[in-house]
Amino acid sequence: MQVSATEAKNRFGQICAQAKAAPVIVEKDGRPDSVILSWAAYQALTQAQRAKTLAQRKREFNETYKDWIAEQNAHHEAHGLWCEGLVAWQEPA
């Protein structure tokens, strides 16, 4: 369901009741701006976010930034490290 911000303000109680069945998208200037969710849907969303393990987050990071990591490693291989104690980026084991 999609409603305007004015309609959401004027019918807030009804919109909240509707959100228990499905998320309600609130539009501003004809574009989606916010979403009203039930408490249960919000909890499921936040629990799913927290459920990611550190290893999963590391894999996602390495996948997202693999080109940058490779570029940094190539630079260090070619030019060395500018300071003792620094180490090149490494993929997790």
PDB file of N, CA and C in Angstrom:
ATOM      1  N   MET A   1       0.844  -1.171   0.000  1.00  0.00           N
ATOM      2  CA  MET A   1       0.000   0.000   0.000  1.00  0.00           C
ATOM      3  C   MET A   1       0.894   1.241   0.000  1.00  0.00           C
ATOM      4  N   GLN A   2       0.480   2.239  -0.748  1.00  0.00           N
ATOM      5  CA  GLN A   2       1.187   3.506  -0.785  1.00  0.00           C
ATOM      6  C   GLN A   2       0.216   4.626  -0.443  1.00  0.00           C
ATOM      7  N   VAL A   3       0.674   5.555   0.398  1.00  0.00           N
ATOM      8  CA  VAL A   3      -0.146   6.701   0.781  1.00  0.00           C
ATOM      9  C   VAL A   3       0.714   7.953   0.753  1.00  0.00           C
ATOM     10  N   SER A   4       0.072   9.094   0.638  1.00  0.00           N
ATOM     11  CA  SER A   4       0.808  10.356   0.716  1.00  0.00           C
ATOM     12  C   SER A   4       1.129  10.643   2.172  1.00  0.00           C
ATOM     13  N   ALA A   5       2.084  11.524   2.398  1.00  0.00           N
ATOM     14  CA  ALA A   5       2.449  11.902   3.769  1.00  0.00           C
ATOM     15  C   ALA A   5       1.259  12.535   4.479  1.00  0.00           C
ATOM     16  N   THR A   6       0.491  13.339   3.769  1.00  0.00           N
ATOM     17  CA  THR A   6      -0.690  13.982   4.368  1.00  0.00           C
ATOM     18  C   THR A   6      -1.717  12.941   4.774  1.00  0.00           C
ATOM     19  N   GLU A   7      -1.952  11.973   3.899  1.00  0.00           N
ATOM     20  CA  GLU A   7      -2.907  10.915   4.215  1.00  0.00           C
ATOM     21  C   GLU A   7      -2.419  10.097   5.409  1.00  0.00           C
ATOM     22  N   ALA A   8      -1.118   9.815   5.464  1.00  0.00           N
ATOM     23  CA  ALA A   8      -0.562   9.067   6.592  1.00  0.00           C
ATOM     24  C   ALA A   8      -0.752   9.840   7.888  1.00  0.00           C
ATOM     25  N   LYS A   9      -0.567  11.156   7.835  1.00  0.00           N
ATOM     26  CA  LYS A   9      -0.749  11.992   9.028  1.00  0.00           C
ATOM     27  C   LYS A   9      -2.210  12.001   9.460  1.00  0.00           C
ATOM     28  N   ASN A  10      -3.112  12.169   8.503  1.00  0.00           N
ATOM     29  CA  ASN A  10      -4.532  12.284   8.823  1.00  0.00           C
ATOM     30  C   ASN A  10      -5.167  10.966   9.238  1.00  0.00           C
ATOM     31  N   ARG A  11      -4.623   9.852   8.760  1.00  0.00           N
ATOM     32  CA  ARG A  11      -5.202   8.533   9.053  1.00  0.00           C
ATOM     33  C   ARG A  11      -4.175   7.632   9.753  1.00  0.00           C
ATOM     34  N   PHE A  12      -3.399   8.197  10.654  1.00  0.00           N
ATOM     35  CA  PHE A  12      -2.282   7.472  11.250  1.00  0.00           C
ATOM     36  C   PHE A  12      -2.706   6.154  11.897  1.00  0.00           C
ATOM     37  N   GLY A  13      -3.767   6.158  12.665  1.00  0.00           N
ATOM     38  CA  GLY A  13      -4.235   4.936  13.329  1.00  0.00           C
ATOM     39  C   GLY A  13      -4.585   3.849  12.329  1.00  0.00           C
ATOM     40  N   GLN A  14      -5.289   4.212  11.278  1.00  0.00           N
ATOM     41  CA  GLN A  14      -5.658   3.244  10.244  1.00  0.00           C
ATOM     42  C   GLN A  14      -4.430   2.746   9.490  1.00  0.00           C
ATOM     43  N   ILE A  15      -3.503   3.650   9.238  1.00  0.00           N
ATOM     44  CA  ILE A  15      -2.272   3.273   8.534  1.00  0.00           C
ATOM     45  C   ILE A  15      -1.459   2.287   9.379  1.00  0.00           C
ATOM     46  N   CYS A  16      -1.391   2.541  10.678  1.00  0.00           N
ATOM     47  CA  CYS A  16      -0.666   1.625  11.569  1.00  0.00           C
ATOM     48  C   CYS A  16      -1.334   0.253  11.583  1.00  0.00           C
ATOM     49  N   ALA A  17      -2.652   0.221  11.575  1.00  0.00           N
ATOM     50  CA  ALA A  17      -3.373  -1.056  11.535  1.00  0.00           C
ATOM     51  C   ALA A  17      -3.076  -1.772  10.216  1.00  0.00           C
ATOM     52  N   GLN A  18      -3.045  -1.034   9.124  1.00  0.00           N
ATOM     53  CA  GLN A  18      -2.748  -1.607   7.819  1.00  0.00           C
ATOM     54  C   GLN A  18      -1.321  -2.158   7.781  1.00  0.00           C
ATOM     55  N   ALA A  19      -0.403  -1.487   8.455  1.00  0.00           N
ATOM     56  CA  ALA A  19       1.005  -1.898   8.462  1.00  0.00           C
ATOM     57  C   ALA A  19       1.204  -3.245   9.149  1.00  0.00           C
ATOM     58  N   LYS A  20       0.252  -3.666   9.963  1.00  0.00           N
ATOM     59  CA  LYS A  20       0.354  -4.981  10.605  1.00  0.00           C
ATOM     60  C   LYS A  20       0.202  -6.098   9.582  1.00  0.00           C
ATOM     61  N   ALA A  21      -0.491  -5.807   8.487  1.00  0.00           N
ATOM     62  CA  ALA A  21      -0.676  -6.807   7.436  1.00  0.00           C
ATOM     63  C   ALA A  21       0.441  -6.739   6.398  1.00  0.00           C
ATOM     64  N   ALA A  22       0.859  -5.516   6.062  1.00  0.00           N
ATOM     65  CA  ALA A  22       1.905  -5.331   5.045  1.00  0.00           C
ATOM     66  C   ALA A  22       2.512  -3.945   5.222  1.00  0.00           C
ATOM     67  N   PRO A  23       3.781  -3.783   4.865  1.00  0.00           N
ATOM     68  CA  PRO A  23       4.411  -2.460   4.977  1.00  0.00           C
ATOM     69  C   PRO A  23       3.635  -1.413   4.172  1.00  0.00           C
ATOM     70  N   VAL A  24       3.601  -0.194   4.713  1.00  0.00           N
ATOM     71  CA  VAL A  24       2.928   0.915   4.048  1.00  0.00           C
ATOM     72  C   VAL A  24       4.007   1.918   3.624  1.00  0.00           C
ATOM     73  N   ILE A  25       4.046   2.215   2.343  1.00  0.00           N
ATOM     74  CA  ILE A  25       5.018   3.164   1.807  1.00  0.00           C
ATOM     75  C   ILE A  25       4.399   4.559   1.849  1.00  0.00           C
ATOM     76  N   VAL A  26       5.114   5.480   2.455  1.00  0.00           N
ATOM     77  CA  VAL A  26       4.646   6.869   2.556  1.00  0.00           C
ATOM     78  C   VAL A  26       5.393   7.689   1.516  1.00  0.00           C
ATOM     79  N   GLU A  27       4.628   8.376   0.677  1.00  0.00           N
ATOM     80  CA  GLU A  27       5.215   9.178  -0.390  1.00  0.00           C
ATOM     81  C   GLU A  27       5.238  10.652  -0.018  1.00  0.00           C
ATOM     82  N   LYS A  28       6.284  11.322  -0.458  1.00  0.00           N
ATOM     83  CA  LYS A  28       6.397  12.782  -0.353  1.00  0.00           C
ATOM     84  C   LYS A  28       6.687  13.288  -1.746  1.00  0.00           C
ATOM     85  N   ASP A  29       5.942  14.252  -2.189  1.00  0.00           N
ATOM     86  CA  ASP A  29       6.114  14.795  -3.538  1.00  0.00           C
ATOM     87  C   ASP A  29       6.044  13.705  -4.595  1.00  0.00           C
ATOM     88  N   GLY A  30       5.177  12.714  -4.366  1.00  0.00           N
ATOM     89  CA  GLY A  30       4.979  11.652  -5.343  1.00  0.00           C
ATOM     90  C   GLY A  30       6.063  10.599  -5.396  1.00  0.00           C
ATOM     91  N   ARG A  31       7.038  10.657  -4.480  1.00  0.00           N
ATOM     92  CA  ARG A  31       8.129   9.679  -4.458  1.00  0.00           C
ATOM     93  C   ARG A  31       8.150   8.952  -3.114  1.00  0.00           C
ATOM     94  N   PRO A  32       8.478   7.667  -3.119  1.00  0.00           N
ATOM     95  CA  PRO A  32       8.590   6.940  -1.842  1.00  0.00           C
ATOM     96  C   PRO A  32       9.586   7.623  -0.919  1.00  0.00           C
ATOM     97  N   ASP A  33       9.179   7.813   0.344  1.00  0.00           N
ATOM     98  CA  ASP A  33      10.026   8.522   1.305  1.00  0.00           C
ATOM     99  C   ASP A  33      10.294   7.686   2.549  1.00  0.00           C
ATOM    100  N   SER A  34       9.261   7.027   3.055  1.00  0.00           N
ATOM    101  CA  SER A  34       9.381   6.273   4.306  1.00  0.00           C
ATOM    102  C   SER A  34       8.514   5.030   4.220  1.00  0.00           C
ATOM    103  N   VAL A  35       8.738   4.127   5.169  1.00  0.00           N
ATOM    104  CA  VAL A  35       7.930   2.914   5.248  1.00  0.00           C
ATOM    105  C   VAL A  35       7.473   2.733   6.684  1.00  0.00           C
ATOM    106  N   ILE A  36       6.219   2.412   6.857  1.00  0.00           N
ATOM    107  CA  ILE A  36       5.688   2.093   8.184  1.00  0.00           C
ATOM    108  C   ILE A  36       5.555   0.575   8.245  1.00  0.00           C
ATOM    109  N   LEU A  37       6.218  -0.028   9.240  1.00  0.00           N
ATOM    110  CA  LEU A  37       6.226  -1.481   9.418  1.00  0.00           C
ATOM    111  C   LEU A  37       5.566  -1.855  10.728  1.00  0.00           C
ATOM    112  N   SER A  38       5.092  -3.081  10.798  1.00  0.00           N
ATOM    113  CA  SER A  38       4.628  -3.601  12.084  1.00  0.00           C
ATOM    114  C   SER A  38       5.850  -3.840  12.965  1.00  0.00           C
ATOM    115  N   TRP A  39       5.623  -3.937  14.268  1.00  0.00           N
ATOM    116  CA  TRP A  39       6.716  -4.199  15.196  1.00  0.00           C
ATOM    117  C   TRP A  39       7.368  -5.543  14.875  1.00  0.00           C
ATOM    118  N   ALA A  40       6.561  -6.549  14.554  1.00  0.00           N
ATOM    119  CA  ALA A  40       7.089  -7.876  14.235  1.00  0.00           C
ATOM    120  C   ALA A  40       7.984  -7.827  12.992  1.00  0.00           C
ATOM    121  N   ALA A  41       7.557  -7.099  11.971  1.00  0.00           N
ATOM    122  CA  ALA A  41       8.366  -6.983  10.746  1.00  0.00           C
ATOM    123  C   ALA A  41       9.675  -6.259  11.039  1.00  0.00           C
ATOM    124  N   TYR A  42       9.611  -5.222  11.861  1.00  0.00           N
ATOM    125  CA  TYR A  42      10.820  -4.479  12.229  1.00  0.00           C
ATOM    126  C   TYR A  42      11.792  -5.378  12.993  1.00  0.00           C
ATOM    127  N   GLN A  43      11.272  -6.145  13.948  1.00  0.00           N
ATOM    128  CA  GLN A  43      12.137  -7.049  14.720  1.00  0.00           C
ATOM    129  C   GLN A  43      12.786  -8.086  13.817  1.00  0.00           C
ATOM    130  N   ALA A  44      12.026  -8.648  12.880  1.00  0.00           N
ATOM    131  CA  ALA A  44      12.582  -9.641  11.960  1.00  0.00           C
ATOM    132  C   ALA A  44      13.697  -9.022  11.119  1.00  0.00           C
ATOM    133  N   LEU A  45      13.482  -7.801  10.688  1.00  0.00           N
ATOM    134  CA  LEU A  45      14.486  -7.095   9.882  1.00  0.00           C
ATOM    135  C   LEU A  45      15.765  -6.853  10.672  1.00  0.00           C
ATOM    136  N   THR A  46      15.642  -6.376  11.903  1.00  0.00           N
ATOM    137  CA  THR A  46      16.831  -6.088  12.704  1.00  0.00           C
ATOM    138  C   THR A  46      17.538  -7.368  13.139  1.00  0.00           C
ATOM    139  N   GLN A  47      16.789  -8.429  13.418  1.00  0.00           N
ATOM    140  CA  GLN A  47      17.421  -9.692  13.795  1.00  0.00           C
ATOM    141  C   GLN A  47      18.190 -10.290  12.627  1.00  0.00           C
ATOM    142  N   ALA A  48      17.643 -10.160  11.431  1.00  0.00           N
ATOM    143  CA  ALA A  48      18.337 -10.670  10.246  1.00  0.00           C
ATOM    144  C   ALA A  48      19.651  -9.923  10.051  1.00  0.00           C
ATOM    145  N   GLN A  49      19.644  -8.628  10.313  1.00  0.00           N
ATOM    146  CA  GLN A  49      20.868  -7.822  10.168  1.00  0.00           C
ATOM    147  C   GLN A  49      21.909  -8.255  11.199  1.00  0.00           C
ATOM    148  N   ARG A  50      21.471  -8.494  12.427  1.00  0.00           N
ATOM    149  CA  ARG A  50      22.403  -8.889  13.492  1.00  0.00           C
ATOM    150  C   ARG A  50      22.912 -10.306  13.310  1.00  0.00           C
ATOM    151  N   ALA A  51      22.163 -11.112  12.579  1.00  0.00           N
ATOM    152  CA  ALA A  51      22.505 -12.527  12.452  1.00  0.00           C
ATOM    153  C   ALA A  51      23.756 -12.753  11.606  1.00  0.00           C
ATOM    154  N   LYS A  52      24.175 -11.763  10.851  1.00  0.00           N
ATOM    155  CA  LYS A  52      25.375 -11.934  10.037  1.00  0.00           C
ATOM    156  C   LYS A  52      26.576 -12.127  10.956  1.00  0.00           C
ATOM    157  N   THR A  53      27.322 -13.139  10.663  1.00  0.00           N
ATOM    158  CA  THR A  53      28.514 -13.395  11.467  1.00  0.00           C
ATOM    159  C   THR A  53      29.646 -12.484  11.003  1.00  0.00           C
ATOM    160  N   LEU A  54      30.651 -12.415  11.813  1.00  0.00           N
ATOM    161  CA  LEU A  54      31.832 -11.634  11.464  1.00  0.00           C
ATOM    162  C   LEU A  54      32.445 -12.170  10.176  1.00  0.00           C
ATOM    163  N   ALA A  55      32.483 -13.476  10.036  1.00  0.00           N
ATOM    164  CA  ALA A  55      33.054 -14.082   8.825  1.00  0.00           C
ATOM    165  C   ALA A  55      32.250 -13.680   7.589  1.00  0.00           C
ATOM    166  N   GLN A  56      30.918 -13.644   7.702  1.00  0.00           N
ATOM    167  CA  GLN A  56      30.089 -13.223   6.572  1.00  0.00           C
ATOM    168  C   GLN A  56      30.368 -11.771   6.214  1.00  0.00           C
ATOM    169  N   ARG A  57      30.473 -10.917   7.230  1.00  0.00           N
ATOM    170  CA  ARG A  57      30.737  -9.503   6.968  1.00  0.00           C
ATOM    171  C   ARG A  57      32.111  -9.314   6.327  1.00  0.00           C
ATOM    172  N   LYS A  58      33.109 -10.095   6.773  1.00  0.00           N
ATOM    173  CA  LYS A  58      34.441 -10.021   6.172  1.00  0.00           C
ATOM    174  C   LYS A  58      34.392 -10.437   4.702  1.00  0.00           C
ATOM    175  N   ARG A  59      33.669 -11.546   4.416  1.00  0.00           N
ATOM    176  CA  ARG A  59      33.549 -11.999   3.031  1.00  0.00           C
ATOM    177  C   ARG A  59      32.880 -10.942   2.169  1.00  0.00           C
ATOM    178  N   GLU A  60      31.812 -10.322   2.686  1.00  0.00           N
ATOM    179  CA  GLU A  60      31.116  -9.267   1.945  1.00  0.00           C
ATOM    180  C   GLU A  60      32.042  -8.080   1.692  1.00  0.00           C
ATOM    181  N   PHE A  61      32.812  -7.690   2.707  1.00  0.00           N
ATOM    182  CA  PHE A  61      33.750  -6.587   2.550  1.00  0.00           C
ATOM    183  C   PHE A  61      34.769  -6.908   1.475  1.00  0.00           C
ATOM    184  N   ASN A  62      35.374  -8.094   1.577  1.00  0.00           N
ATOM    185  CA  ASN A  62      36.402  -8.474   0.614  1.00  0.00           C
ATOM    186  C   ASN A  62      35.841  -8.583  -0.797  1.00  0.00           C
ATOM    187  N   GLU A  63      34.620  -9.050  -0.940  1.00  0.00           N
ATOM    188  CA  GLU A  63      34.000  -9.134  -2.260  1.00  0.00           C
ATOM    189  C   GLU A  63      33.701  -7.739  -2.804  1.00  0.00           C
ATOM    190  N   THR A  64      33.187  -6.867  -1.962  1.00  0.00           N
ATOM    191  CA  THR A  64      32.844  -5.507  -2.384  1.00  0.00           C
ATOM    192  C   THR A  64      34.083  -4.724  -2.788  1.00  0.00           C
ATOM    193  N   TYR A  65      35.152  -4.858  -2.045  1.00  0.00           N
ATOM    194  CA  TYR A  65      36.354  -4.042  -2.256  1.00  0.00           C
ATOM    195  C   TYR A  65      37.520  -4.836  -2.843  1.00  0.00           C
ATOM    196  N   LYS A  66      37.241  -5.975  -3.488  1.00  0.00           N
ATOM    197  CA  LYS A  66      38.329  -6.825  -3.987  1.00  0.00           C
ATOM    198  C   LYS A  66      39.232  -6.092  -4.976  1.00  0.00           C
ATOM    199  N   ASP A  67      38.664  -5.261  -5.845  1.00  0.00           N
ATOM    200  CA  ASP A  67      39.495  -4.535  -6.814  1.00  0.00           C
ATOM    201  C   ASP A  67      40.423  -3.547  -6.104  1.00  0.00           C
ATOM    202  N   TRP A  68      39.891  -2.842  -5.125  1.00  0.00           N
ATOM    203  CA  TRP A  68      40.706  -1.881  -4.372  1.00  0.00           C
ATOM    204  C   TRP A  68      41.808  -2.593  -3.598  1.00  0.00           C
ATOM    205  N   ILE A  69      41.459  -3.716  -2.974  1.00  0.00           N
ATOM    206  CA  ILE A  69      42.449  -4.486  -2.212  1.00  0.00           C
ATOM    207  C   ILE A  69      43.556  -4.969  -3.140  1.00  0.00           C
ATOM    208  N   ALA A  70      43.178  -5.479  -4.318  1.00  0.00           N
ATOM    209  CA  ALA A  70      44.176  -5.950  -5.278  1.00  0.00           C
ATOM    210  C   ALA A  70      45.072  -4.791  -5.736  1.00  0.00           C
ATOM    211  N   GLU A  71      44.464  -3.629  -5.958  1.00  0.00           N
ATOM    212  CA  GLU A  71      45.238  -2.457  -6.366  1.00  0.00           C
ATOM    213  C   GLU A  71      46.243  -2.063  -5.286  1.00  0.00           C
ATOM    214  N   GLN A  72      45.797  -2.069  -4.034  1.00  0.00           N
ATOM    215  CA  GLN A  72      46.700  -1.719  -2.932  1.00  0.00           C
ATOM    216  C   GLN A  72      47.825  -2.733  -2.798  1.00  0.00           C
ATOM    217  N   ASN A  73      47.502  -4.001  -2.913  1.00  0.00           N
ATOM    218  CA  ASN A  73      48.522  -5.040  -2.811  1.00  0.00           C
ATOM    219  C   ASN A  73      49.529  -4.935  -3.951  1.00  0.00           C
ATOM    220  N   ALA A  74      49.051  -4.657  -5.170  1.00  0.00           N
ATOM    221  CA  ALA A  74      49.953  -4.503  -6.309  1.00  0.00           C
ATOM    222  C   ALA A  74      50.873  -3.304  -6.105  1.00  0.00           C
ATOM    223  N   HIS A  75      50.338  -2.225  -5.591  1.00  0.00           N
ATOM    224  CA  HIS A  75      51.154  -1.038  -5.322  1.00  0.00           C
ATOM    225  C   HIS A  75      52.247  -1.358  -4.305  1.00  0.00           C
ATOM    226  N   HIS A  76      51.885  -2.064  -3.251  1.00  0.00           N
ATOM    227  CA  HIS A  76      52.862  -2.414  -2.221  1.00  0.00           C
ATOM    228  C   HIS A  76      53.908  -3.388  -2.747  1.00  0.00           C
ATOM    229  N   GLU A  77      53.478  -4.307  -3.629  1.00  0.00           N
ATOM    230  CA  GLU A  77      54.448  -5.240  -4.225  1.00  0.00           C
ATOM    231  C   GLU A  77      55.456  -4.476  -5.088  1.00  0.00           C
ATOM    232  N   ALA A  78      54.957  -3.486  -5.823  1.00  0.00           N
ATOM    233  CA  ALA A  78      55.818  -2.738  -6.737  1.00  0.00           C
ATOM    234  C   ALA A  78      56.699  -1.732  -6.015  1.00  0.00           C
ATOM    235  N   HIS A  79      56.163  -1.088  -4.985  1.00  0.00           N
ATOM    236  CA  HIS A  79      56.869   0.027  -4.355  1.00  0.00           C
ATOM    237  C   HIS A  79      57.260  -0.213  -2.903  1.00  0.00           C
ATOM    238  N   GLY A  80      56.821  -1.311  -2.354  1.00  0.00           N
ATOM    239  CA  GLY A  80      57.111  -1.583  -0.955  1.00  0.00           C
ATOM    240  C   GLY A  80      56.212  -0.767  -0.036  1.00  0.00           C
ATOM    241  N   LEU A  81      56.376  -0.987   1.229  1.00  0.00           N
ATOM    242  CA  LEU A  81      55.589  -0.262   2.219  1.00  0.00           C
ATOM    243  C   LEU A  81      56.333   0.981   2.639  1.00  0.00           C
ATOM    244  N   TRP A  82      55.635   2.046   2.856  1.00  0.00           N
ATOM    245  CA  TRP A  82      56.280   3.324   3.179  1.00  0.00           C
ATOM    246  C   TRP A  82      56.673   3.432   4.644  1.00  0.00           C
ATOM    247  N   CYS A  83      56.245   2.467   5.458  1.00  0.00           N
ATOM    248  CA  CYS A  83      56.537   2.546   6.885  1.00  0.00           C
ATOM    249  C   CYS A  83      56.691   1.129   7.427  1.00  0.00           C
ATOM    250  N   GLU A  84      57.701   0.919   8.230  1.00  0.00           N
ATOM    251  CA  GLU A  84      57.851  -0.390   8.848  1.00  0.00           C
ATOM    252  C   GLU A  84      56.651  -0.671   9.740  1.00  0.00           C
ATOM    253  N   GLY A  85      56.248  -1.891   9.793  1.00  0.00           N
ATOM    254  CA  GLY A  85      55.127  -2.266  10.648  1.00  0.00           C
ATOM    255  C   GLY A  85      53.803  -2.333   9.914  1.00  0.00           C
ATOM    256  N   LEU A  86      53.730  -1.774   8.720  1.00  0.00           N
ATOM    257  CA  LEU A  86      52.507  -1.873   7.936  1.00  0.00           C
ATOM    258  C   LEU A  86      52.516  -3.190   7.186  1.00  0.00           C
ATOM    259  N   VAL A  87      51.345  -3.743   6.973  1.00  0.00           N
ATOM    260  CA  VAL A  87      51.252  -4.988   6.221  1.00  0.00           C
ATOM    261  C   VAL A  87      50.256  -4.802   5.092  1.00  0.00           C
ATOM    262  N   ALA A  88      50.457  -5.546   4.031  1.00  0.00           N
ATOM    263  CA  ALA A  88      49.542  -5.476   2.890  1.00  0.00           C
ATOM    264  C   ALA A  88      48.212  -6.131   3.274  1.00  0.00           C
ATOM    265  N   TRP A  89      47.148  -5.724   2.586  1.00  0.00           N
ATOM    266  CA  TRP A  89      45.842  -6.346   2.804  1.00  0.00           C
ATOM    267  C   TRP A  89      45.918  -7.801   2.390  1.00  0.00           C
ATOM    268  N   GLN A  90      45.247  -8.639   3.154  1.00  0.00           N
ATOM    269  CA  GLN A  90      45.236 -10.066   2.830  1.00  0.00           C
ATOM    270  C   GLN A  90      43.812 -10.577   2.887  1.00  0.00           C
ATOM    271  N   GLU A  91      43.528 -11.520   2.016  1.00  0.00           N
ATOM    272  CA  GLU A  91      42.232 -12.200   2.048  1.00  0.00           C
ATOM    273  C   GLU A  91      42.206 -13.067   3.300  1.00  0.00           C
ATOM    274  N   PRO A  92      41.031 -13.189   3.936  1.00  0.00           N
ATOM    275  CA  PRO A  92      40.947 -14.042   5.125  1.00  0.00           C
ATOM    276  C   PRO A  92      41.144 -15.512   4.753  1.00  0.00           C
ATOM    277  N   ALA A  93      41.657 -16.254   5.679  1.00  0.00           N
ATOM    278  CA  ALA A  93      41.911 -17.679   5.441  1.00  0.00           C
ATOM    279  C   ALA A  93      40.632 -18.471   5.431  1.00  0.00           C
TER     280      ALA A  93
END
